[in-house]
Amino acid sequence: MAELATRTLPLAGAHGGTAGVRLQPAEPANRISLRARAEDVAALSSALRLALPTAPRTSATQGSRTALWLGPDEWLVIDDSEGGLVEAAASSGALHSATDVSHRNTAILVSGPGAVATLNGGCPLDLSLKAFPVGACARTLFGKIEVVLLRTGEDSFRLECWRSFSEYAFGLLAEAAEDAGL
């Protein structure tokens, strides 16, 4: 039997941070880029077993699944365990586009009291709790790359980026943490 190629995980073995911020590659996850009309949101939400958020900069989580609102007709849906997102969306009977981006994207978890200062080393958003509360998400820039940022806790974030840019993002985060003295 022929050997199959083994795909290495992005940022395999990467670790970083300082006393005030922890940088950690997220575990592999299943993801879809979902596009749908407003009238199809209810059927897709039911099929995905997750209420797709319909307000700007919001997210919703149910079990291992999280949906991030990226635009009036666009979501990033992440499943940390089960998978089957494309199939679930297909079973909705609703008109939509669901593209599996599981191998295109990866995520970096940023946590600790210095998380906001570290992220602001490359991101122009106001990440204060008042302006960007827990559950808030946005497609934005981090340094020179497009990312999707989700606030998962008072001092914790998930930074989604394309795997081809993950080393750049991780390196910039590590430098920002050191520059901030955190």
C-alpha atoms as a PDB file:
ATOM      1  CA  MET A   1       0.000   0.000   0.000  1.00  0.00           C
ATOM      2  CA  ALA A   2       1.358   3.410  -0.972  1.00  0.00           C
ATOM      3  CA  GLU A   3       2.050   5.941   1.720  1.00  0.00           C
ATOM      4  CA  LEU A   4      -0.191   8.973   1.794  1.00  0.00           C
ATOM      5  CA  ALA A   5       1.122  12.475   2.177  1.00  0.00           C
ATOM      6  CA  THR A   6       0.765  13.841   5.670  1.00  0.00           C
ATOM      7  CA  ARG A   7      -0.294  17.448   5.982  1.00  0.00           C
ATOM      8  CA  THR A   8       1.493  19.269   8.757  1.00  0.00           C
ATOM      9  CA  LEU A   9      -0.474  21.571  10.977  1.00  0.00           C
ATOM     10  CA  PRO A  10       0.208  25.277  10.564  1.00  0.00           C
ATOM     11  CA  LEU A  11       2.298  26.638  13.420  1.00  0.00           C
ATOM     12  CA  ALA A  12       3.112  23.093  14.573  1.00  0.00           C
ATOM     13  CA  GLY A  13       5.204  23.449  17.707  1.00  0.00           C
ATOM     14  CA  ALA A  14       4.794  27.223  17.826  1.00  0.00           C
ATOM     15  CA  HIS A  15       4.495  28.816  21.211  1.00  0.00           C
ATOM     16  CA  GLY A  16       4.931  32.329  22.387  1.00  0.00           C
ATOM     17  CA  GLY A  17       3.897  35.187  24.523  1.00  0.00           C
ATOM     18  CA  THR A  18       5.117  36.899  27.626  1.00  0.00           C
ATOM     19  CA  ALA A  19       4.118  37.096  31.264  1.00  0.00           C
ATOM     20  CA  GLY A  20       1.032  39.131  30.289  1.00  0.00           C
ATOM     21  CA  VAL A  21      -0.145  37.380  27.123  1.00  0.00           C
ATOM     22  CA  ARG A  22      -0.297  33.808  25.878  1.00  0.00           C
ATOM     23  CA  LEU A  23      -0.121  32.964  22.165  1.00  0.00           C
ATOM     24  CA  GLN A  24      -1.246  29.504  21.165  1.00  0.00           C
ATOM     25  CA  PRO A  25      -2.147  27.830  17.868  1.00  0.00           C
ATOM     26  CA  ALA A  26      -5.767  26.676  18.008  1.00  0.00           C
ATOM     27  CA  GLU A  27      -6.615  23.030  17.522  1.00  0.00           C
ATOM     28  CA  PRO A  28      -7.713  22.085  13.979  1.00  0.00           C
ATOM     29  CA  ALA A  29     -11.362  22.928  13.313  1.00  0.00           C
ATOM     30  CA  ASN A  30     -13.952  22.508  10.593  1.00  0.00           C
ATOM     31  CA  ARG A  31     -15.023  25.753   8.894  1.00  0.00           C
ATOM     32  CA  ILE A  32     -17.349  26.919   6.171  1.00  0.00           C
ATOM     33  CA  SER A  33     -17.733  30.246   4.488  1.00  0.00           C
ATOM     34  CA  LEU A  34     -21.510  30.571   4.265  1.00  0.00           C
ATOM     35  CA  ARG A  35     -23.469  32.967   2.047  1.00  0.00           C
ATOM     36  CA  ALA A  36     -27.279  33.120   2.073  1.00  0.00           C
ATOM     37  CA  ARG A  37     -30.244  35.432   1.643  1.00  0.00           C
ATOM     38  CA  ALA A  38     -32.057  36.798   4.698  1.00  0.00           C
ATOM     39  CA  GLU A  39     -35.112  34.634   3.971  1.00  0.00           C
ATOM     40  CA  ASP A  40     -32.962  31.471   4.155  1.00  0.00           C
ATOM     41  CA  VAL A  41     -31.315  32.186   7.525  1.00  0.00           C
ATOM     42  CA  ALA A  42     -33.972  30.386   9.599  1.00  0.00           C
ATOM     43  CA  ALA A  43     -33.739  27.147   7.584  1.00  0.00           C
ATOM     44  CA  LEU A  44     -29.936  27.204   7.664  1.00  0.00           C
ATOM     45  CA  SER A  45     -29.910  27.961  11.397  1.00  0.00           C
ATOM     46  CA  SER A  46     -32.157  24.960  12.023  1.00  0.00           C
ATOM     47  CA  ALA A  47     -30.044  22.651   9.866  1.00  0.00           C
ATOM     48  CA  LEU A  48     -26.794  23.823  11.478  1.00  0.00           C
ATOM     49  CA  ARG A  49     -28.325  23.616  14.990  1.00  0.00           C
ATOM     50  CA  LEU A  50     -27.054  27.137  15.586  1.00  0.00           C
ATOM     51  CA  ALA A  51     -28.844  30.496  15.298  1.00  0.00           C
ATOM     52  CA  LEU A  52     -26.945  32.442  12.661  1.00  0.00           C
ATOM     53  CA  PRO A  53     -26.437  35.983  13.980  1.00  0.00           C
ATOM     54  CA  THR A  54     -28.023  38.737  11.903  1.00  0.00           C
ATOM     55  CA  ALA A  55     -26.588  41.845  13.564  1.00  0.00           C
ATOM     56  CA  PRO A  56     -23.223  43.351  12.614  1.00  0.00           C
ATOM     57  CA  ARG A  57     -20.161  42.310  14.629  1.00  0.00           C
ATOM     58  CA  THR A  58     -21.986  39.533  16.509  1.00  0.00           C
ATOM     59  CA  SER A  59     -21.445  35.822  16.927  1.00  0.00           C
ATOM     60  CA  ALA A  60     -23.422  32.883  18.261  1.00  0.00           C
ATOM     61  CA  THR A  61     -22.222  29.664  19.861  1.00  0.00           C
ATOM     62  CA  GLN A  62     -24.057  26.398  20.401  1.00  0.00           C
ATOM     63  CA  GLY A  63     -22.055  23.418  21.603  1.00  0.00           C
ATOM     64  CA  SER A  64     -18.895  23.128  19.526  1.00  0.00           C
ATOM     65  CA  ARG A  65     -20.198  25.416  16.756  1.00  0.00           C
ATOM     66  CA  THR A  66     -19.723  29.163  16.438  1.00  0.00           C
ATOM     67  CA  ALA A  67     -21.101  31.409  13.689  1.00  0.00           C
ATOM     68  CA  LEU A  68     -19.534  34.809  13.082  1.00  0.00           C
ATOM     69  CA  TRP A  69     -21.457  37.539  11.218  1.00  0.00           C
ATOM     70  CA  LEU A  70     -19.194  38.932   8.489  1.00  0.00           C
ATOM     71  CA  GLY A  71     -21.756  40.760   6.389  1.00  0.00           C
ATOM     72  CA  PRO A  72     -25.488  40.985   5.668  1.00  0.00           C
ATOM     73  CA  ASP A  73     -25.368  37.677   3.797  1.00  0.00           C
ATOM     74  CA  GLU A  74     -22.084  36.148   5.003  1.00  0.00           C
ATOM     75  CA  TRP A  75     -20.920  34.052   7.981  1.00  0.00           C
ATOM     76  CA  LEU A  76     -17.868  32.090   9.016  1.00  0.00           C
ATOM     77  CA  VAL A  77     -19.067  28.948  10.787  1.00  0.00           C
ATOM     78  CA  ILE A  78     -16.513  27.079  12.904  1.00  0.00           C
ATOM     79  CA  ASP A  79     -16.986  23.647  14.445  1.00  0.00           C
ATOM     80  CA  ASP A  80     -14.325  22.496  16.894  1.00  0.00           C
ATOM     81  CA  SER A  81     -15.402  18.853  16.921  1.00  0.00           C
ATOM     82  CA  GLU A  82     -18.257  17.399  14.886  1.00  0.00           C
ATOM     83  CA  GLY A  83     -17.712  18.686  11.363  1.00  0.00           C
ATOM     84  CA  GLY A  84     -20.340  17.970   8.740  1.00  0.00           C
ATOM     85  CA  LEU A  85     -21.042  21.663   8.214  1.00  0.00           C
ATOM     86  CA  VAL A  86     -21.381  21.502   4.421  1.00  0.00           C
ATOM     87  CA  GLU A  87     -23.702  18.504   4.690  1.00  0.00           C
ATOM     88  CA  ALA A  88     -25.800  20.159   7.386  1.00  0.00           C
ATOM     89  CA  ALA A  89     -26.205  23.314   5.305  1.00  0.00           C
ATOM     90  CA  ALA A  90     -27.112  21.204   2.244  1.00  0.00           C
ATOM     91  CA  SER A  91     -29.856  19.458   4.235  1.00  0.00           C
ATOM     92  CA  SER A  92     -31.563  22.809   4.918  1.00  0.00           C
ATOM     93  CA  GLY A  93     -33.248  22.974   1.534  1.00  0.00           C
ATOM     94  CA  ALA A  94     -32.362  26.686   1.466  1.00  0.00           C
ATOM     95  CA  LEU A  95     -30.586  28.503  -1.325  1.00  0.00           C
ATOM     96  CA  HIS A  96     -27.030  29.149  -0.117  1.00  0.00           C
ATOM     97  CA  SER A  97     -23.338  28.790  -0.839  1.00  0.00           C
ATOM     98  CA  ALA A  98     -21.240  26.826   1.664  1.00  0.00           C
ATOM     99  CA  THR A  99     -17.537  26.472   0.955  1.00  0.00           C
ATOM    100  CA  ASP A 100     -15.340  24.324   3.166  1.00  0.00           C
ATOM    101  CA  VAL A 101     -12.382  26.493   4.224  1.00  0.00           C
ATOM    102  CA  SER A 102     -11.097  24.148   6.939  1.00  0.00           C
ATOM    103  CA  HIS A 103      -7.665  23.748   5.353  1.00  0.00           C
ATOM    104  CA  ARG A 104      -7.386  27.334   4.171  1.00  0.00           C
ATOM    105  CA  ASN A 105      -7.836  28.868   7.623  1.00  0.00           C
ATOM    106  CA  THR A 106      -6.169  28.397  10.950  1.00  0.00           C
ATOM    107  CA  ALA A 107      -6.493  30.261  14.219  1.00  0.00           C
ATOM    108  CA  ILE A 108      -4.273  31.718  16.901  1.00  0.00           C
ATOM    109  CA  LEU A 109      -5.590  32.076  20.443  1.00  0.00           C
ATOM    110  CA  VAL A 110      -4.478  35.240  22.227  1.00  0.00           C
ATOM    111  CA  SER A 111      -5.190  35.499  25.949  1.00  0.00           C
ATOM    112  CA  GLY A 112      -4.154  37.250  29.118  1.00  0.00           C
ATOM    113  CA  PRO A 113      -4.222  40.787  30.498  1.00  0.00           C
ATOM    114  CA  GLY A 114      -2.016  41.980  27.628  1.00  0.00           C
ATOM    115  CA  ALA A 115      -4.146  40.493  24.834  1.00  0.00           C
ATOM    116  CA  VAL A 116      -5.728  43.800  23.756  1.00  0.00           C
ATOM    117  CA  ALA A 117      -2.411  45.684  23.677  1.00  0.00           C
ATOM    118  CA  THR A 118      -0.793  42.833  21.770  1.00  0.00           C
ATOM    119  CA  LEU A 119      -3.541  42.701  19.138  1.00  0.00           C
ATOM    120  CA  ASN A 120      -3.525  46.480  18.817  1.00  0.00           C
ATOM    121  CA  GLY A 121       0.138  46.181  17.847  1.00  0.00           C
ATOM    122  CA  GLY A 122      -1.163  45.239  14.399  1.00  0.00           C
ATOM    123  CA  CYS A 123      -4.927  45.858  14.430  1.00  0.00           C
ATOM    124  CA  PRO A 124      -6.542  49.324  14.245  1.00  0.00           C
ATOM    125  CA  LEU A 125      -9.832  48.374  15.967  1.00  0.00           C
ATOM    126  CA  ASP A 126     -10.824  49.701  19.375  1.00  0.00           C
ATOM    127  CA  LEU A 127     -10.722  46.424  21.298  1.00  0.00           C
ATOM    128  CA  SER A 128     -11.850  47.819  24.647  1.00  0.00           C
ATOM    129  CA  LEU A 129     -14.610  45.768  26.296  1.00  0.00           C
ATOM    130  CA  LYS A 130     -17.044  48.643  25.770  1.00  0.00           C
ATOM    131  CA  ALA A 131     -16.388  48.915  22.017  1.00  0.00           C
ATOM    132  CA  PHE A 132     -15.690  45.211  21.355  1.00  0.00           C
ATOM    133  CA  PRO A 133     -17.519  43.117  23.987  1.00  0.00           C
ATOM    134  CA  VAL A 134     -17.301  39.360  24.497  1.00  0.00           C
ATOM    135  CA  GLY A 135     -18.836  37.695  21.434  1.00  0.00           C
ATOM    136  CA  ALA A 136     -17.977  40.575  19.096  1.00  0.00           C
ATOM    137  CA  CYS A 137     -16.309  39.690  15.818  1.00  0.00           C
ATOM    138  CA  ALA A 138     -14.981  41.587  12.830  1.00  0.00           C
ATOM    139  CA  ARG A 139     -13.150  41.063   9.593  1.00  0.00           C
ATOM    140  CA  THR A 140     -10.214  43.453   9.846  1.00  0.00           C
ATOM    141  CA  LEU A 141      -6.533  43.910   9.158  1.00  0.00           C
ATOM    142  CA  PHE A 142      -3.722  42.625  11.296  1.00  0.00           C
ATOM    143  CA  GLY A 143      -0.486  44.059  10.013  1.00  0.00           C
ATOM    144  CA  LYS A 144      -0.654  43.435   6.281  1.00  0.00           C
ATOM    145  CA  ILE A 145      -3.156  40.566   6.288  1.00  0.00           C
ATOM    146  CA  GLU A 146      -6.914  40.173   6.474  1.00  0.00           C
ATOM    147  CA  VAL A 147      -8.110  38.338   9.577  1.00  0.00           C
ATOM    148  CA  VAL A 148     -11.340  37.589  11.377  1.00  0.00           C
ATOM    149  CA  LEU A 149     -11.153  38.473  15.042  1.00  0.00           C
ATOM    150  CA  LEU A 150     -13.511  37.053  17.706  1.00  0.00           C
ATOM    151  CA  ARG A 151     -13.502  38.083  21.355  1.00  0.00           C
ATOM    152  CA  THR A 152     -14.063  34.864  23.304  1.00  0.00           C
ATOM    153  CA  GLY A 153     -13.670  36.279  26.822  1.00  0.00           C
ATOM    154  CA  GLU A 154     -12.753  39.465  28.655  1.00  0.00           C
ATOM    155  CA  ASP A 155      -9.053  38.815  28.017  1.00  0.00           C
ATOM    156  CA  SER A 156      -9.181  36.256  25.204  1.00  0.00           C
ATOM    157  CA  PHE A 157      -9.480  36.340  21.419  1.00  0.00           C
ATOM    158  CA  ARG A 158      -9.458  33.999  18.441  1.00  0.00           C
ATOM    159  CA  LEU A 159      -7.621  35.361  15.401  1.00  0.00           C
ATOM    160  CA  GLU A 160      -8.593  33.479  12.213  1.00  0.00           C
ATOM    161  CA  CYS A 161      -6.258  33.838   9.247  1.00  0.00           C
ATOM    162  CA  TRP A 162      -5.244  31.984   6.124  1.00  0.00           C
ATOM    163  CA  ARG A 163      -2.729  29.278   6.975  1.00  0.00           C
ATOM    164  CA  SER A 164      -0.259  30.733   4.464  1.00  0.00           C
ATOM    165  CA  PHE A 165      -0.137  33.920   6.589  1.00  0.00           C
ATOM    166  CA  SER A 166      -0.137  32.207   9.993  1.00  0.00           C
ATOM    167  CA  GLU A 167       3.613  32.411  10.615  1.00  0.00           C
ATOM    168  CA  TYR A 168       3.551  36.131   9.810  1.00  0.00           C
ATOM    169  CA  ALA A 169       0.588  36.689  12.149  1.00  0.00           C
ATOM    170  CA  PHE A 170       2.150  34.651  14.952  1.00  0.00           C
ATOM    171  CA  GLY A 171       5.466  36.463  14.593  1.00  0.00           C
ATOM    172  CA  LEU A 172       3.806  39.878  14.614  1.00  0.00           C
ATOM    173  CA  LEU A 173       1.816  38.921  17.726  1.00  0.00           C
ATOM    174  CA  ALA A 174       4.984  37.778  19.493  1.00  0.00           C
ATOM    175  CA  GLU A 175       6.775  41.029  18.619  1.00  0.00           C
ATOM    176  CA  ALA A 176       3.785  43.145  19.673  1.00  0.00           C
ATOM    177  CA  ALA A 177       3.645  41.359  23.043  1.00  0.00           C
ATOM    178  CA  GLU A 178       7.333  42.089  23.646  1.00  0.00           C
ATOM    179  CA  ASP A 179       7.063  45.687  22.410  1.00  0.00           C
ATOM    180  CA  ALA A 180       4.164  46.338  24.760  1.00  0.00           C
ATOM    181  CA  GLY A 181       6.281  45.026  27.630  1.00  0.00           C
ATOM    182  CA  LEU A 182       3.658  42.481  28.514  1.00  0.00           C
END
